[in-house]
């Protein structure tokens, strides 16, 4: 029995609760790439509070992703330290003036 990939709609919010821990890194990388290509600029990645493992995984990816300009804990009403707010660079600004 082969596992079909799960298609997740790309919006400005990505909740990792439905992603298996072994798949989190690949899912976050793919999400960021697709969100950036769609021109999204402000994202919220919900990783949960727990003991902080997924939070650190997400933040390690954000640190090494060149089109991430900033990230921080979400405000309390948007998840606090159980979610990370991400700002992406404008994809049009990176293409150069040609």
Protein backbone atom coordinates (compact mmCIF):
# COMPACT_ATOMS: atom_id res chain seq x y z
CA UNK A 1 0.00 0.00 0.00
CA UNK A 2 1.60 3.25 -1.12
CA UNK A 3 0.99 6.46 0.75
CA UNK A 4 -0.36 9.28 -1.36
CA UNK A 5 0.98 12.73 -0.51
CA UNK A 6 -1.48 14.87 1.36
CA UNK A 7 -2.28 18.11 -0.45
CA UNK A 8 -2.53 21.04 1.92
CA UNK A 9 -3.98 24.34 0.73
CA UNK A 10 -1.41 27.13 0.98
CA UNK A 11 -2.74 29.97 3.11
CA UNK A 12 -1.08 32.39 5.51
CA UNK A 13 -1.56 29.89 8.38
CA UNK A 14 0.12 26.48 8.56
CA UNK A 15 -0.85 24.25 11.49
CA UNK A 16 1.69 21.49 12.09
CA UNK A 17 -0.54 19.49 14.43
CA UNK A 18 -1.65 17.23 11.56
CA UNK A 19 1.92 16.60 10.33
CA UNK A 20 3.88 13.58 11.59
CA UNK A 21 6.99 14.73 13.50
CA UNK A 22 9.28 12.95 11.00
CA UNK A 23 7.72 15.02 8.17
CA UNK A 24 7.76 18.45 9.81
CA UNK A 25 11.04 19.70 8.28
CA UNK A 26 10.11 18.74 4.72
CA UNK A 27 6.57 20.08 5.14
CA UNK A 28 7.74 23.45 6.49
CA UNK A 29 10.36 23.83 3.74
CA UNK A 30 7.79 23.02 1.03
CA UNK A 31 5.22 25.33 2.63
CA UNK A 32 7.64 28.25 2.80
CA UNK A 33 8.70 27.77 -0.81
CA UNK A 34 5.12 27.64 -2.05
CA UNK A 35 3.95 30.56 0.13
CA UNK A 36 6.86 32.64 -1.17
CA UNK A 37 6.13 31.75 -4.80
CA UNK A 38 2.48 32.73 -4.28
CA UNK A 39 3.59 36.14 -2.98
CA UNK A 40 2.44 35.69 0.61
CA UNK A 41 4.36 37.99 2.92
CA UNK A 42 3.03 37.37 6.46
CA UNK A 43 2.62 33.82 7.75
CA UNK A 44 1.76 32.09 11.00
CA UNK A 45 3.18 28.62 11.61
CA UNK A 46 1.45 26.86 14.49
CA UNK A 47 3.82 24.34 16.05
CA UNK A 48 2.30 24.04 19.51
CA UNK A 49 3.87 24.67 22.89
CA UNK A 50 4.95 21.24 24.10
CA UNK A 51 8.61 21.06 25.09
CA UNK A 52 9.74 23.22 22.17
CA UNK A 53 11.17 20.62 19.78
CA UNK A 54 8.98 21.55 16.81
CA UNK A 55 9.40 25.26 17.57
CA UNK A 56 13.18 24.85 17.35
CA UNK A 57 12.90 22.76 14.16
CA UNK A 58 10.75 25.45 12.53
CA UNK A 59 13.08 28.24 13.62
CA UNK A 60 16.19 26.43 12.37
CA UNK A 61 14.54 26.21 8.94
CA UNK A 62 13.52 29.87 9.06
CA UNK A 63 17.08 30.94 9.93
CA UNK A 64 18.51 29.23 6.85
CA UNK A 65 15.78 30.23 4.39
CA UNK A 66 17.07 33.22 2.37
CA UNK A 67 13.66 34.78 1.64
CA UNK A 68 12.62 34.87 5.31
CA UNK A 69 13.24 38.41 6.49
CA UNK A 70 12.00 38.08 10.09
CA UNK A 71 10.24 35.77 12.55
CA UNK A 72 9.06 35.99 16.14
CA UNK A 73 6.63 34.51 18.65
CA UNK A 74 3.02 35.15 17.77
CA UNK A 75 1.07 37.60 19.93
CA UNK A 76 -0.80 35.91 22.82
CA UNK A 77 -4.14 36.04 20.97
CA UNK A 78 -2.57 34.24 17.97
CA UNK A 79 -0.88 31.42 19.86
CA UNK A 80 1.95 33.08 21.80
CA UNK A 81 5.05 30.91 21.88
CA UNK A 82 3.01 28.03 20.37
CA UNK A 83 3.14 29.77 16.99
CA UNK A 84 5.70 31.73 15.00
CA UNK A 85 4.93 34.79 12.89
CA UNK A 86 7.06 34.87 9.72
CA UNK A 87 7.71 37.75 7.33
CA UNK A 88 8.81 36.81 3.82
CA UNK A 89 10.63 39.05 1.38
CA UNK A 90 8.71 40.17 -1.68
CA UNK A 91 9.56 37.65 -4.44
CA UNK A 92 9.41 40.43 -7.06
CA UNK A 93 12.16 42.36 -5.26
CA UNK A 94 14.58 39.43 -5.61
CA UNK A 95 14.27 39.09 -9.38
CA UNK A 96 16.34 42.16 -10.10
CA UNK A 97 15.64 44.91 -12.59
CA UNK A 98 16.55 42.76 -15.59
